[in-house]
Amino acid sequence: MKSIFRDYPLKSYNTFNIEASSKYFITCGNIKELREILDSQIVEEHPLLVLGGGSNVLFMGDYQGVVIYPELKGKKIIQENSNKVRIKVGCGEDWDSFVEYCVENGYGGIENLSGIPGRVGAVPIQNIGAYGVEAQESIVSVESLEIESGQKVNFKREECQFGYRDSIFKHHYKNKYIITSVIFELSKNPDLVMNYGDLQERITNQAEKNLKTVRDIILQVRNEKLPAPEKLGNAGSFFKNPIIEREKLESLTETYDELPYYNLGDSQYKIPAGWLIEECGWKEKSYGEAGVYQDQALIIVNYGEASGKEIYGLSQKIKKDVQNKFGIELEREVKVVTSN
């Protein structure tokens, strides 16, 4: 149901638990209502922000524009055979609840993405990934509305230009489309991905190795490493793991022989950003009410009443130190939302 609010508080709509508000806050439950909103004078006269679970945004202050909060729900099997199933999922569905549904029904492909907060509409924008799996591997297509015209536009997987925590929706099509649903293709005979990080050792000791086993282990690992946002405000990994070339890696390992890295092929290597940050001495350090989490240096947390500017300031200091020490520029995963 469409509802319009003025000067609406956003603290419960961002996992950093930042005190902020939006000039307008509009909810909608279907395509018709969304089109009406996009065609309204309010949207024409103000900047626009589409907000889902708020698990990847940092508000720098009150937002002097329109926040659209799509609540398009539902999931539907649109194609199925003995090996595969295609499911259309509304943008407003909770991501982890959808993963749980797939695991319970024996649909494999996204179980490694268990426990990631947020809604389905954000999944293709960010190309979320964890434990050796990325969302793009299961996405068939993305359905959207063009903001300017209100017309439906369907993007096939290859048109989304997926990359590491990246897609065309973050660049060329930024602020041009609102994702309304995503179609996933999942396997009824999945190959479990268990050779990444903490998974391999833990799953070896399990009598049964199936989708539920993988999901349970991943939820256990995430709970051990990541603070619950309702207890300690955060947005998960604040920075991307940087990717460097072979020449840069060889130069670094001459000085830092314990530098961890993952070979991506084509002379490219992924470096854990958390390791770089910890080596710069930032783990457990604070900056006002913001700080670096004690169990994982990749996570910036709100210890109480931190402002968005405090958290952003801390991230700037971390970026500077990593650049000075390693010659590597960290890139934020978190979307910074300015006040206007």
Protein backbone atom coordinates (compact mmCIF):
# COMPACT_ATOMS: atom_id res chain seq x y z
CA MET A 1 0.00 0.00 0.00
CA LYS A 2 1.35 3.43 -0.97
CA SER A 3 2.05 5.80 1.93
CA ILE A 4 3.81 9.17 2.00
CA PHE A 5 5.54 10.54 5.12
CA ARG A 6 7.31 13.83 5.85
CA ASP A 7 10.53 14.20 7.86
CA TYR A 8 10.67 10.47 8.42
CA PRO A 9 13.23 8.92 10.83
CA LEU A 10 15.63 6.46 9.17
CA LYS A 11 17.46 4.98 12.17
CA SER A 12 15.55 1.69 11.93
CA TYR A 13 16.12 1.60 8.16
CA ASN A 14 19.93 1.47 8.23
CA THR A 15 22.02 -1.18 9.96
CA PHE A 16 24.58 1.38 11.15
CA ASN A 17 21.74 2.70 13.34
CA ILE A 18 22.56 6.26 12.31
CA GLU A 19 20.19 9.00 13.46
CA ALA A 20 18.96 10.58 10.23
CA SER A 21 15.70 11.47 8.54
CA SER A 22 14.40 11.94 5.00
CA LYS A 23 12.34 14.87 3.77
CA TYR A 24 9.92 12.39 2.17
CA PHE A 25 9.58 8.65 2.75
CA ILE A 26 7.28 6.72 0.40
CA THR A 27 6.31 3.05 0.57
CA CYS A 28 4.74 1.09 -2.28
CA GLY A 29 3.54 -2.48 -2.64
CA ASN A 30 3.20 -3.02 -6.39
CA ILE A 31 4.27 -1.82 -9.84
CA LYS A 32 1.23 0.45 -10.27
CA GLU A 33 1.97 2.33 -7.05
CA LEU A 34 5.65 2.59 -7.93
CA ARG A 35 4.78 4.12 -11.31
CA GLU A 36 2.48 6.64 -9.60
CA ILE A 37 5.32 7.65 -7.30
CA LEU A 38 7.80 8.06 -10.15
CA ASP A 39 5.28 10.21 -12.01
CA SER A 40 4.64 12.46 -9.01
CA GLN A 41 5.69 16.07 -8.57
CA ILE A 42 7.55 15.18 -5.35
CA VAL A 43 9.98 12.94 -7.25
CA GLU A 44 10.38 15.48 -10.04
CA GLU A 45 11.42 18.19 -7.59
CA HIS A 46 13.71 16.26 -5.24
CA PRO A 47 16.68 13.86 -5.35
CA LEU A 48 15.70 10.20 -5.13
CA LEU A 49 17.05 7.32 -3.06
CA VAL A 50 15.76 3.75 -3.26
CA LEU A 51 16.18 2.03 0.09
CA GLY A 52 15.82 -1.66 0.87
CA GLY A 53 17.26 -3.33 3.96
CA GLY A 54 19.65 -0.43 4.60
CA SER A 55 22.50 -2.88 5.17
CA ASN A 56 24.91 -1.19 2.78
CA VAL A 57 24.32 2.55 3.28
CA LEU A 58 25.91 5.23 5.41
CA PHE A 59 23.86 8.39 5.94
CA MET A 60 26.02 11.50 6.34
CA GLY A 61 23.09 13.49 7.70
CA ASP A 62 19.40 14.12 7.08
CA TYR A 63 18.49 13.31 3.49
CA GLN A 64 16.86 16.28 1.78
CA GLY A 65 15.08 14.22 -0.82
CA VAL A 66 12.68 11.35 -1.41
CA VAL A 67 13.32 7.86 -0.08
CA ILE A 68 11.35 5.18 -1.92
CA TYR A 69 10.91 1.98 0.09
CA PRO A 70 9.60 -0.71 -2.31
CA GLU A 71 7.77 -3.56 -0.64
CA LEU A 72 7.11 -5.67 -3.73
CA LYS A 73 6.92 -9.16 -2.27
CA GLY A 74 6.38 -12.71 -3.51
CA LYS A 75 8.28 -15.59 -5.08
CA LYS A 76 7.06 -17.80 -7.88
CA ILE A 77 8.47 -20.82 -9.70
CA ILE A 78 8.25 -19.90 -13.38
CA GLN A 79 10.15 -22.83 -14.90
CA GLU A 80 11.18 -26.25 -13.63
CA ASN A 81 12.60 -29.57 -14.79
CA SER A 82 14.36 -32.50 -13.13
CA ASN A 83 17.64 -30.58 -12.82
CA LYS A 84 16.86 -26.87 -12.56
CA VAL A 85 14.30 -24.45 -11.19
CA ARG A 86 13.77 -20.78 -12.02
CA ILE A 87 12.21 -18.56 -9.39
CA LYS A 88 11.01 -14.98 -9.76
CA VAL A 89 11.43 -13.04 -6.49
CA GLY A 90 10.10 -9.58 -5.59
CA CYS A 91 12.62 -6.89 -4.72
CA GLY A 92 11.13 -6.42 -1.25
CA GLU A 93 11.70 -10.01 -0.12
CA ASP A 94 14.26 -10.55 2.65
CA TRP A 95 17.34 -12.11 1.08
CA ASP A 96 18.24 -14.60 3.80
CA SER A 97 14.64 -15.79 4.07
CA PHE A 98 14.77 -16.57 0.36
CA VAL A 99 18.04 -18.48 0.82
CA GLU A 100 16.44 -20.46 3.64
CA TYR A 101 13.44 -21.26 1.42
CA CYS A 102 15.76 -22.55 -1.32
CA VAL A 103 17.76 -24.72 1.07
CA GLU A 104 14.61 -26.21 2.59
CA ASN A 105 13.33 -27.12 -0.88
CA GLY A 106 16.64 -28.56 -2.13
CA TYR A 107 17.44 -25.73 -4.55
CA GLY A 108 21.19 -25.16 -4.57
CA GLY A 109 23.42 -22.34 -5.70
CA ILE A 110 23.01 -19.56 -3.14
CA GLU A 111 23.44 -21.42 0.16
CA ASN A 112 26.93 -19.90 0.60
CA LEU A 113 25.25 -16.50 0.65
CA SER A 114 23.35 -17.36 3.82
CA GLY A 115 23.16 -14.73 6.52
CA ILE A 116 23.81 -11.74 4.28
CA PRO A 117 21.41 -8.97 5.36
CA GLY A 118 19.30 -6.93 2.98
CA ARG A 119 16.61 -7.43 0.38
CA VAL A 120 16.52 -9.17 -2.96
CA GLY A 121 16.43 -5.91 -4.93
CA ALA A 122 19.93 -5.00 -3.77
CA VAL A 123 21.46 -8.37 -4.65
CA PRO A 124 22.20 -7.71 -8.35
CA ILE A 125 23.29 -4.11 -7.74
CA GLN A 126 26.02 -5.21 -5.37
CA ASN A 127 26.54 -8.68 -6.87
CA ILE A 128 26.78 -9.95 -3.31
CA GLY A 129 29.24 -12.73 -2.63
CA ALA A 130 30.68 -14.85 0.15
CA TYR A 131 32.64 -18.06 0.66
CA GLY A 132 33.57 -18.58 -2.98
CA VAL A 133 30.13 -17.85 -4.47
CA GLU A 134 28.67 -14.73 -6.12
CA ALA A 135 25.02 -13.96 -6.81
CA GLN A 136 25.68 -13.51 -10.54
CA GLU A 137 26.19 -17.27 -10.88
CA SER A 138 22.48 -17.84 -10.16
CA ILE A 139 20.90 -14.72 -11.64
CA VAL A 140 19.11 -15.20 -14.97
CA SER A 141 17.68 -11.72 -15.37
CA VAL A 142 16.74 -8.53 -13.53
CA GLU A 143 13.38 -6.81 -13.98
CA SER A 144 13.14 -3.06 -13.39
CA LEU A 145 11.28 0.17 -13.97
CA GLU A 146 13.05 3.02 -15.72
CA ILE A 147 12.78 6.01 -13.39
CA GLU A 148 12.36 8.61 -16.12
CA SER A 149 9.70 6.82 -18.17
CA GLY A 150 8.17 4.31 -15.75
CA GLN A 151 8.58 1.62 -18.41
CA LYS A 152 9.46 -1.98 -17.58
CA VAL A 153 12.98 -2.96 -18.63
CA ASN A 154 14.40 -6.47 -18.40
CA PHE A 155 18.16 -7.02 -18.15
CA LYS A 156 19.66 -10.41 -18.98
CA ARG A 157 22.58 -11.58 -16.88
CA GLU A 158 25.21 -10.59 -19.43
CA GLU A 159 23.70 -7.11 -19.74
CA CYS A 160 24.22 -6.50 -16.02
CA GLN A 161 28.02 -6.47 -16.46
CA PHE A 162 28.62 -8.17 -13.14
CA GLY A 163 32.01 -7.86 -11.48
CA TYR A 164 33.48 -8.17 -8.01
CA ARG A 165 30.81 -6.49 -5.81
CA ASP A 166 29.87 -4.59 -8.91
CA SER A 167 27.30 -4.25 -11.69
CA ILE A 168 26.16 -1.81 -14.34
CA PHE A 169 23.55 -0.53 -11.86
CA LYS A 170 26.33 1.06 -9.79
CA HIS A 171 27.80 2.94 -12.72
CA HIS A 172 26.25 3.53 -16.17
CA TYR A 173 22.70 2.85 -14.94
CA LYS A 174 23.11 4.38 -11.49
CA ASN A 175 19.90 6.17 -10.41
CA LYS A 176 18.23 5.29 -13.72
CA TYR A 177 16.32 2.12 -12.80
CA ILE A 178 14.51 0.64 -9.81
CA ILE A 179 14.84 -3.13 -9.61
CA THR A 180 11.42 -4.72 -9.07
CA SER A 181 12.21 -8.45 -9.20
CA VAL A 182 15.02 -10.89 -9.92
CA ILE A 183 14.87 -14.29 -11.62
CA PHE A 184 17.23 -16.93 -10.23
CA GLU A 185 18.11 -20.33 -11.66
CA LEU A 186 18.99 -22.93 -9.04
CA SER A 187 20.05 -26.55 -9.17
CA LYS A 188 18.25 -29.61 -7.83
CA ASN A 189 21.56 -31.50 -8.00
CA PRO A 190 23.97 -28.88 -6.70
CA ASP A 191 27.74 -29.12 -6.41
CA LEU A 192 28.52 -27.83 -2.94
CA VAL A 193 31.24 -25.18 -2.72
CA MET A 194 33.11 -26.06 0.46
CA ASN A 195 36.76 -25.28 -0.25
CA TYR A 196 36.78 -21.67 0.89
CA GLY A 197 38.31 -20.43 4.13
CA ASP A 198 36.69 -21.75 7.30
CA LEU A 199 34.22 -23.96 5.44
CA GLN A 200 36.50 -26.80 4.41
CA GLU A 201 37.76 -27.74 7.86
CA ARG A 202 34.35 -27.46 9.49
CA ILE A 203 32.41 -29.42 6.94
CA THR A 204 34.94 -32.28 6.88
CA ASN A 205 33.77 -33.23 10.36
CA GLN A 206 30.11 -33.42 9.33
CA ALA A 207 28.47 -36.80 8.76
CA GLU A 208 26.14 -35.32 6.15
CA LYS A 209 27.24 -32.83 3.53
CA ASN A 210 24.21 -31.14 2.02
CA LEU A 211 22.68 -27.71 1.51
CA LYS A 212 21.51 -27.44 5.11
CA THR A 213 24.97 -28.41 6.41
CA VAL A 214 26.60 -25.68 4.36
CA ARG A 215 24.03 -23.09 5.43
CA ASP A 216 24.31 -24.00 9.11
CA ILE A 217 28.11 -23.79 9.05
CA ILE A 218 28.11 -20.46 7.23
CA LEU A 219 25.60 -18.97 9.67
CA GLN A 220 27.77 -20.24 12.52
CA VAL A 221 30.93 -18.69 11.04
CA ARG A 222 29.19 -15.38 10.31
CA ASN A 223 27.77 -15.19 13.83
CA GLU A 224 31.25 -15.73 15.25
CA LYS A 225 32.86 -13.05 13.10
CA LEU A 226 30.17 -10.44 12.56
CA PRO A 227 28.31 -8.42 15.19
CA ALA A 228 24.52 -8.40 14.98
CA PRO A 229 23.47 -4.91 13.73
CA GLU A 230 20.71 -4.67 16.33
CA LYS A 231 23.37 -4.98 19.05
CA LEU A 232 26.25 -3.11 17.38
CA GLY A 233 25.52 -0.98 14.33
CA ASN A 234 27.48 -2.01 11.24
CA ALA A 235 27.16 -2.73 7.54
CA GLY A 236 29.28 -5.87 7.36
CA SER A 237 32.44 -5.54 5.28
CA PHE A 238 33.07 -1.82 4.91
CA PHE A 239 35.73 -2.16 2.21
CA LYS A 240 36.18 -4.39 -0.81
CA ASN A 241 39.11 -6.78 -0.84
CA PRO A 242 41.54 -5.07 -3.25
CA ILE A 243 42.69 -6.81 -6.42
CA ILE A 244 46.30 -6.25 -7.47
CA GLU A 245 48.57 -7.33 -10.33
CA ARG A 246 51.38 -9.90 -10.06
CA GLU A 247 54.11 -7.24 -10.12
CA LYS A 248 52.56 -5.44 -7.15
CA LEU A 249 52.14 -8.73 -5.27
CA GLU A 250 55.79 -9.68 -5.78
CA SER A 251 56.87 -6.26 -4.54
CA LEU A 252 54.74 -6.57 -1.39
CA THR A 253 55.77 -10.12 -0.53
CA GLU A 254 59.42 -9.04 -0.51
CA THR A 255 58.59 -6.96 2.56
CA TYR A 256 55.57 -8.83 3.94
CA ASP A 257 56.24 -12.54 3.52
CA GLU A 258 53.06 -13.43 5.48
CA LEU A 259 50.80 -11.45 3.15
CA PRO A 260 47.74 -13.62 2.41
CA TYR A 261 46.37 -13.61 -1.15
CA TYR A 262 44.07 -15.50 -3.50
CA ASN A 263 45.05 -16.20 -7.10
CA LEU A 264 42.23 -15.08 -9.39
CA GLY A 265 44.02 -15.99 -12.62
CA ASP A 266 45.15 -13.64 -15.39
CA SER A 267 47.95 -12.36 -13.11
CA GLN A 268 45.44 -10.89 -10.66
CA TYR A 269 45.38 -11.49 -6.92
CA LYS A 270 42.85 -10.62 -4.21
CA ILE A 271 44.26 -9.33 -0.92
CA PRO A 272 42.17 -9.46 2.29
CA ALA A 273 41.43 -5.86 3.21
CA GLY A 274 41.00 -6.88 6.84
CA TRP A 275 44.62 -8.06 6.98
CA LEU A 276 45.88 -4.76 5.56
CA ILE A 277 43.81 -2.77 8.06
CA GLU A 278 44.97 -4.90 10.99
CA GLU A 279 48.61 -4.54 9.92
CA CYS A 280 48.11 -0.78 10.08
CA GLY A 281 47.13 -1.15 13.73
CA TRP A 282 43.46 -0.24 13.38
CA LYS A 283 41.84 -3.35 14.87
CA GLU A 284 39.83 -2.44 18.01
CA LYS A 285 40.68 1.26 17.66
CA SER A 286 38.01 3.93 17.99
CA TYR A 287 37.33 7.36 16.54
CA GLY A 288 34.68 9.06 18.60
CA GLU A 289 31.72 6.67 18.81
CA ALA A 290 32.92 4.78 15.71
CA GLY A 291 35.44 1.97 15.83
CA VAL A 292 36.99 -1.05 14.15
CA TYR A 293 35.43 -4.31 15.33
CA GLN A 294 37.52 -6.39 17.72
CA ASP A 295 37.05 -9.69 15.87
CA GLN A 296 37.29 -8.50 12.26
CA ALA A 297 39.20 -5.43 11.11
CA LEU A 298 37.12 -5.18 7.93
CA ILE A 299 34.07 -4.09 9.93
CA ILE A 300 33.48 -0.55 11.16
CA VAL A 301 30.95 -0.33 13.97
CA ASN A 302 28.78 2.24 15.70
CA TYR A 303 29.43 1.90 19.43
CA GLY A 304 26.43 4.02 20.34
CA GLU A 305 25.66 7.44 18.96
CA ALA A 306 28.20 7.74 16.14
CA SER A 307 27.26 10.06 13.31
CA GLY A 308 27.68 9.15 9.68
CA LYS A 309 30.44 11.74 9.47
CA GLU A 310 32.35 10.05 12.31
CA ILE A 311 32.16 6.66 10.60
CA TYR A 312 33.14 8.18 7.26
CA GLY A 313 36.03 10.04 8.92
CA LEU A 314 37.31 6.80 10.43
CA SER A 315 37.15 5.09 7.04
CA GLN A 316 39.15 7.95 5.51
CA LYS A 317 41.89 7.55 8.11
CA ILE A 318 42.03 3.80 7.46
CA LYS A 319 42.21 4.34 3.70
CA LYS A 320 45.05 6.82 4.12
CA ASP A 321 47.09 4.52 6.37
CA VAL A 322 46.68 1.51 4.05
CA GLN A 323 47.67 3.66 1.06
CA ASN A 324 50.77 4.97 2.85
CA LYS A 325 51.91 1.58 4.15
CA PHE A 326 51.08 -0.72 1.24
CA GLY A 327 50.45 1.56 -1.74
CA ILE A 328 46.97 0.07 -2.09
CA GLU A 329 43.82 2.18 -2.29
CA LEU A 330 40.87 0.63 -0.49
CA GLU A 331 37.44 1.01 -2.05
CA ARG A 332 34.31 1.18 0.09
CA GLU A 333 31.58 -1.40 -0.35
CA VAL A 334 29.23 0.82 1.63
CA LYS A 335 27.25 3.46 -0.27
CA VAL A 336 27.75 6.92 1.26
CA VAL A 337 24.55 8.99 1.13
CA THR A 338 25.09 12.73 1.41
CA SER A 339 22.49 15.07 2.86
CA ASN A 340 21.33 16.43 -0.50
